[in-house]
Amino acid sequence: MPSTTSFHGTIRERANNDSEFRIGLLEVAAEALVSGDLDEGKAALRLYIKSTAGYDSVADVIGIHPKSLIRMLGPEGNPRASNLVAILSHAALTEDVHLEVKATSVDADRTLTAAST
């Protein structure tokens, strides 16, 4: 017999019980945004928000209307960088984590070759 639990219900339940899962969603969002994949970053933020505090709570903290938050993180949304940073900062504080960017070489061979010439 198929399960009657919805996808979002399952995600919400896991997020409520697993801080590493919530932090993983933030990592995915931050990595996607920094690497230029806005769609994946917005999707991860939507999933994080839906499975934790909810749009009303996050919108209140960052100072925007909940419907604006929903629209900006939607597939057609075009959020301002300041709003994305505010969402990530709030989530990091909530999870008691520090998000940081680390630069790595995309092509280690090219870097080594360039360094040796």
N, C-alpha and C. Protein backbone atom coordinates (compact mmCIF):
# COMPACT_ATOMS: atom_id res chain seq x y z
N MET A 1 0.84 -1.18 0.00
CA MET A 1 0.00 0.00 0.00
C MET A 1 0.88 1.24 0.00
N PRO A 2 0.60 2.22 -0.87
CA PRO A 2 1.43 3.42 -0.94
C PRO A 2 1.30 4.27 0.32
N SER A 3 2.37 4.99 0.59
CA SER A 3 2.39 5.87 1.75
C SER A 3 1.47 7.07 1.51
N THR A 4 0.83 7.53 2.57
CA THR A 4 -0.07 8.68 2.45
C THR A 4 0.60 9.97 2.92
N THR A 5 1.85 9.86 3.37
CA THR A 5 2.58 11.05 3.81
C THR A 5 3.04 11.84 2.60
N SER A 6 2.78 13.14 2.61
CA SER A 6 3.18 13.99 1.49
C SER A 6 4.69 14.22 1.51
N PHE A 7 5.21 14.60 0.36
CA PHE A 7 6.64 14.90 0.24
C PHE A 7 7.04 15.99 1.21
N HIS A 8 6.29 17.10 1.19
CA HIS A 8 6.64 18.23 2.07
C HIS A 8 6.47 17.86 3.54
N GLY A 9 5.49 17.02 3.84
CA GLY A 9 5.32 16.56 5.21
C GLY A 9 6.52 15.74 5.67
N THR A 10 7.02 14.90 4.79
CA THR A 10 8.19 14.08 5.10
C THR A 10 9.42 14.96 5.30
N ILE A 11 9.60 15.94 4.42
CA ILE A 11 10.74 16.85 4.54
C ILE A 11 10.63 17.66 5.83
N ARG A 12 9.43 18.16 6.13
CA ARG A 12 9.22 18.95 7.34
C ARG A 12 9.53 18.11 8.58
N GLU A 13 9.08 16.87 8.58
CA GLU A 13 9.34 16.00 9.73
C GLU A 13 10.83 15.75 9.90
N ARG A 14 11.52 15.50 8.80
CA ARG A 14 12.97 15.27 8.88
C ARG A 14 13.68 16.53 9.35
N ALA A 15 13.28 17.68 8.83
CA ALA A 15 13.91 18.94 9.22
C ALA A 15 13.70 19.22 10.71
N ASN A 16 12.52 18.88 11.21
CA ASN A 16 12.24 19.10 12.64
C ASN A 16 13.13 18.24 13.53
N ASN A 17 13.53 17.06 13.04
CA ASN A 17 14.26 16.11 13.86
C ASN A 17 15.75 16.02 13.54
N ASP A 18 16.21 16.69 12.50
CA ASP A 18 17.59 16.48 12.05
C ASP A 18 18.24 17.81 11.68
N SER A 19 19.04 18.34 12.61
CA SER A 19 19.69 19.63 12.36
C SER A 19 20.69 19.53 11.21
N GLU A 20 21.34 18.40 11.03
CA GLU A 20 22.28 18.24 9.92
C GLU A 20 21.56 18.34 8.58
N PHE A 21 20.34 17.87 8.51
CA PHE A 21 19.55 17.99 7.28
C PHE A 21 19.24 19.46 6.99
N ARG A 22 18.84 20.20 8.01
CA ARG A 22 18.55 21.63 7.82
C ARG A 22 19.81 22.38 7.38
N ILE A 23 20.92 22.09 8.02
CA ILE A 23 22.17 22.74 7.67
C ILE A 23 22.58 22.35 6.25
N GLY A 24 22.32 21.11 5.87
CA GLY A 24 22.62 20.67 4.51
C GLY A 24 21.83 21.46 3.48
N LEU A 25 20.55 21.75 3.78
CA LEU A 25 19.75 22.57 2.87
C LEU A 25 20.36 23.96 2.72
N LEU A 26 20.85 24.53 3.82
CA LEU A 26 21.49 25.84 3.75
C LEU A 26 22.78 25.79 2.93
N GLU A 27 23.56 24.72 3.11
CA GLU A 27 24.79 24.58 2.35
C GLU A 27 24.50 24.49 0.86
N VAL A 28 23.49 23.70 0.50
CA VAL A 28 23.11 23.56 -0.91
C VAL A 28 22.70 24.92 -1.46
N ALA A 29 21.89 25.64 -0.71
CA ALA A 29 21.42 26.95 -1.16
C ALA A 29 22.59 27.91 -1.35
N ALA A 30 23.47 27.99 -0.37
CA ALA A 30 24.59 28.92 -0.45
C ALA A 30 25.54 28.55 -1.59
N GLU A 31 25.86 27.28 -1.72
CA GLU A 31 26.76 26.85 -2.79
C GLU A 31 26.16 27.13 -4.16
N ALA A 32 24.87 26.87 -4.31
CA ALA A 32 24.21 27.11 -5.60
C ALA A 32 24.22 28.60 -5.92
N LEU A 33 23.90 29.44 -4.96
CA LEU A 33 23.85 30.87 -5.20
C LEU A 33 25.23 31.43 -5.54
N VAL A 34 26.24 31.00 -4.82
CA VAL A 34 27.59 31.50 -5.06
C VAL A 34 28.10 31.02 -6.42
N SER A 35 27.70 29.82 -6.84
CA SER A 35 28.17 29.31 -8.13
C SER A 35 27.33 29.80 -9.30
N GLY A 36 26.30 30.59 -9.02
CA GLY A 36 25.51 31.19 -10.08
C GLY A 36 24.26 30.44 -10.46
N ASP A 37 23.90 29.39 -9.71
CA ASP A 37 22.68 28.64 -10.02
C ASP A 37 21.53 29.17 -9.16
N LEU A 38 20.94 30.27 -9.62
CA LEU A 38 19.89 30.94 -8.87
C LEU A 38 18.68 30.04 -8.65
N ASP A 39 18.29 29.27 -9.66
CA ASP A 39 17.12 28.41 -9.53
C ASP A 39 17.29 27.36 -8.44
N GLU A 40 18.44 26.70 -8.40
CA GLU A 40 18.69 25.70 -7.37
C GLU A 40 18.78 26.35 -5.99
N GLY A 41 19.42 27.50 -5.92
CA GLY A 41 19.54 28.21 -4.65
C GLY A 41 18.18 28.61 -4.10
N LYS A 42 17.32 29.14 -4.97
CA LYS A 42 15.97 29.52 -4.53
C LYS A 42 15.18 28.30 -4.10
N ALA A 43 15.31 27.19 -4.84
CA ALA A 43 14.58 25.97 -4.49
C ALA A 43 15.00 25.45 -3.12
N ALA A 44 16.29 25.47 -2.85
CA ALA A 44 16.78 25.00 -1.55
C ALA A 44 16.30 25.93 -0.43
N LEU A 45 16.30 27.23 -0.67
CA LEU A 45 15.80 28.16 0.34
C LEU A 45 14.31 27.96 0.58
N ARG A 46 13.54 27.76 -0.50
CA ARG A 46 12.11 27.49 -0.35
C ARG A 46 11.89 26.26 0.52
N LEU A 47 12.62 25.20 0.22
CA LEU A 47 12.47 23.96 0.97
C LEU A 47 12.85 24.16 2.44
N TYR A 48 13.93 24.90 2.67
CA TYR A 48 14.33 25.18 4.05
C TYR A 48 13.25 25.96 4.79
N ILE A 49 12.75 27.02 4.16
CA ILE A 49 11.75 27.86 4.82
C ILE A 49 10.46 27.10 5.07
N LYS A 50 9.99 26.37 4.06
CA LYS A 50 8.75 25.61 4.21
C LYS A 50 8.85 24.56 5.31
N SER A 51 10.03 23.98 5.47
CA SER A 51 10.17 22.89 6.43
C SER A 51 10.61 23.36 7.81
N THR A 52 10.83 24.65 7.98
CA THR A 52 11.23 25.14 9.30
C THR A 52 10.26 26.22 9.78
N ALA A 53 10.69 27.45 9.80
CA ALA A 53 9.91 28.53 10.40
C ALA A 53 8.69 28.95 9.60
N GLY A 54 8.73 28.79 8.30
CA GLY A 54 7.63 29.22 7.45
C GLY A 54 7.85 30.61 6.90
N TYR A 55 7.12 30.91 5.83
CA TYR A 55 7.28 32.20 5.13
C TYR A 55 6.95 33.39 6.02
N ASP A 56 5.88 33.31 6.80
CA ASP A 56 5.48 34.45 7.62
C ASP A 56 6.58 34.86 8.59
N SER A 57 7.16 33.88 9.26
CA SER A 57 8.19 34.16 10.25
C SER A 57 9.44 34.75 9.61
N VAL A 58 9.91 34.14 8.53
CA VAL A 58 11.13 34.62 7.86
C VAL A 58 10.90 36.00 7.26
N ALA A 59 9.75 36.19 6.63
CA ALA A 59 9.45 37.49 6.03
C ALA A 59 9.43 38.59 7.09
N ASP A 60 8.87 38.28 8.25
CA ASP A 60 8.82 39.25 9.33
C ASP A 60 10.22 39.63 9.79
N VAL A 61 11.09 38.65 9.92
CA VAL A 61 12.46 38.91 10.39
C VAL A 61 13.25 39.74 9.39
N ILE A 62 13.10 39.46 8.08
CA ILE A 62 13.89 40.21 7.11
C ILE A 62 13.18 41.48 6.62
N GLY A 63 11.95 41.70 7.09
CA GLY A 63 11.27 42.96 6.83
C GLY A 63 10.59 43.09 5.49
N ILE A 64 10.03 42.00 4.99
CA ILE A 64 9.26 42.06 3.74
C ILE A 64 7.93 41.34 3.95
N HIS A 65 7.01 41.53 3.03
CA HIS A 65 5.71 40.87 3.10
C HIS A 65 5.88 39.39 2.72
N PRO A 66 5.18 38.48 3.42
CA PRO A 66 5.31 37.05 3.11
C PRO A 66 5.04 36.71 1.64
N LYS A 67 4.06 37.37 1.03
CA LYS A 67 3.77 37.08 -0.38
C LYS A 67 4.93 37.50 -1.27
N SER A 68 5.62 38.57 -0.91
CA SER A 68 6.80 39.00 -1.66
C SER A 68 7.90 37.95 -1.55
N LEU A 69 8.07 37.40 -0.36
CA LEU A 69 9.07 36.35 -0.15
C LEU A 69 8.73 35.12 -0.99
N ILE A 70 7.47 34.73 -0.99
CA ILE A 70 7.04 33.57 -1.78
C ILE A 70 7.32 33.82 -3.26
N ARG A 71 6.96 35.01 -3.74
CA ARG A 71 7.18 35.33 -5.17
C ARG A 71 8.65 35.36 -5.52
N MET A 72 9.47 35.99 -4.68
CA MET A 72 10.89 36.14 -5.03
C MET A 72 11.61 34.80 -5.06
N LEU A 73 11.16 33.84 -4.25
CA LEU A 73 11.80 32.53 -4.25
C LEU A 73 11.14 31.55 -5.21
N GLY A 74 10.08 31.98 -5.86
CA GLY A 74 9.40 31.14 -6.84
C GLY A 74 10.22 31.00 -8.12
N PRO A 75 9.79 30.10 -9.01
CA PRO A 75 10.53 29.85 -10.25
C PRO A 75 10.74 31.09 -11.12
N GLU A 76 9.81 32.02 -11.10
CA GLU A 76 9.93 33.23 -11.91
C GLU A 76 10.46 34.41 -11.11
N GLY A 77 10.76 34.20 -9.84
CA GLY A 77 11.21 35.28 -8.97
C GLY A 77 12.60 35.77 -9.30
N ASN A 78 12.84 37.03 -8.99
CA ASN A 78 14.14 37.65 -9.22
C ASN A 78 14.54 38.40 -7.95
N PRO A 79 14.99 37.66 -6.93
CA PRO A 79 15.28 38.31 -5.65
C PRO A 79 16.51 39.20 -5.70
N ARG A 80 16.48 40.24 -4.89
CA ARG A 80 17.65 41.10 -4.74
C ARG A 80 18.68 40.36 -3.89
N ALA A 81 19.94 40.65 -4.15
CA ALA A 81 21.01 40.01 -3.40
C ALA A 81 20.87 40.29 -1.90
N SER A 82 20.44 41.48 -1.57
CA SER A 82 20.29 41.83 -0.15
C SER A 82 19.26 40.94 0.54
N ASN A 83 18.20 40.58 -0.17
CA ASN A 83 17.19 39.70 0.42
C ASN A 83 17.73 38.28 0.57
N LEU A 84 18.48 37.80 -0.42
CA LEU A 84 19.05 36.45 -0.32
C LEU A 84 20.04 36.38 0.85
N VAL A 85 20.85 37.42 1.00
CA VAL A 85 21.81 37.48 2.10
C VAL A 85 21.07 37.52 3.44
N ALA A 86 20.01 38.28 3.52
CA ALA A 86 19.24 38.37 4.76
C ALA A 86 18.63 37.02 5.12
N ILE A 87 18.11 36.31 4.13
CA ILE A 87 17.52 34.99 4.38
C ILE A 87 18.58 34.02 4.86
N LEU A 88 19.71 33.97 4.16
CA LEU A 88 20.80 33.07 4.55
C LEU A 88 21.35 33.42 5.93
N SER A 89 21.51 34.71 6.20
CA SER A 89 22.03 35.14 7.51
C SER A 89 21.09 34.74 8.64
N HIS A 90 19.80 34.98 8.42
CA HIS A 90 18.81 34.61 9.43
C HIS A 90 18.82 33.10 9.67
N ALA A 91 18.86 32.33 8.59
CA ALA A 91 18.86 30.87 8.72
C ALA A 91 20.13 30.39 9.43
N ALA A 92 21.27 30.98 9.10
CA ALA A 92 22.52 30.58 9.75
C ALA A 92 22.48 30.89 11.24
N LEU A 93 21.94 32.04 11.62
CA LEU A 93 21.79 32.37 13.04
C LEU A 93 20.85 31.39 13.73
N THR A 94 19.76 31.07 13.06
CA THR A 94 18.79 30.13 13.61
C THR A 94 19.43 28.76 13.86
N GLU A 95 20.26 28.33 12.91
CA GLU A 95 20.89 27.01 13.02
C GLU A 95 22.19 27.04 13.82
N ASP A 96 22.61 28.25 14.22
CA ASP A 96 23.85 28.44 14.96
C ASP A 96 25.05 27.90 14.18
N VAL A 97 25.12 28.30 12.91
CA VAL A 97 26.24 27.92 12.06
C VAL A 97 26.83 29.18 11.41
N HIS A 98 28.04 29.04 10.93
CA HIS A 98 28.72 30.11 10.20
C HIS A 98 28.92 29.63 8.77
N LEU A 99 28.33 30.34 7.82
CA LEU A 99 28.51 30.01 6.41
C LEU A 99 29.70 30.79 5.89
N GLU A 100 30.56 30.12 5.13
CA GLU A 100 31.70 30.81 4.55
C GLU A 100 31.94 30.31 3.13
N VAL A 101 32.58 31.14 2.35
CA VAL A 101 32.91 30.80 0.97
C VAL A 101 34.38 30.43 0.91
N LYS A 102 34.67 29.34 0.23
CA LYS A 102 36.06 28.90 0.08
C LYS A 102 36.33 28.73 -1.40
N ALA A 103 37.35 29.41 -1.90
CA ALA A 103 37.70 29.33 -3.32
C ALA A 103 38.57 28.11 -3.56
N THR A 104 38.23 27.34 -4.58
CA THR A 104 39.05 26.21 -5.00
C THR A 104 39.26 26.28 -6.50
N SER A 105 40.33 25.70 -6.95
CA SER A 105 40.64 25.70 -8.37
C SER A 105 39.71 24.76 -9.11
N VAL A 106 39.17 25.21 -10.22
CA VAL A 106 38.30 24.37 -11.04
C VAL A 106 39.14 23.37 -11.82
N ASP A 107 40.31 23.80 -12.27
CA ASP A 107 41.18 22.96 -13.08
C ASP A 107 42.57 22.95 -12.45
N ALA A 108 42.81 21.99 -11.57
CA ALA A 108 44.07 21.94 -10.83
C ALA A 108 45.25 21.78 -11.77
N ASP A 109 45.11 21.01 -12.86
CA ASP A 109 46.22 20.82 -13.80
C ASP A 109 46.64 22.14 -14.44
N ARG A 110 45.65 22.94 -14.85
CA ARG A 110 45.94 24.21 -15.48
C ARG A 110 46.66 25.13 -14.49
N THR A 111 46.21 25.12 -13.25
CA THR A 111 46.83 25.96 -12.22
C THR A 111 48.28 25.54 -12.00
N LEU A 112 48.53 24.23 -11.89
CA LEU A 112 49.89 23.75 -11.69
C LEU A 112 50.78 24.08 -12.87
N THR A 113 50.25 23.93 -14.08
CA THR A 113 51.02 24.25 -15.29
C THR A 113 51.36 25.73 -15.34
N ALA A 114 50.38 26.55 -15.03
CA ALA A 114 50.60 28.00 -15.06
C ALA A 114 51.63 28.40 -14.01
N ALA A 115 51.60 27.73 -12.86
CA ALA A 115 52.53 28.06 -11.79
C ALA A 115 53.94 27.63 -12.12
N SER A 116 54.11 26.58 -12.93
CA SER A 116 55.44 26.06 -13.20
C SER A 116 56.11 26.74 -14.39
N THR A 117 55.40 27.58 -15.14
CA THR A 117 56.02 28.22 -16.30
C THR A 117 56.58 29.57 -16.00
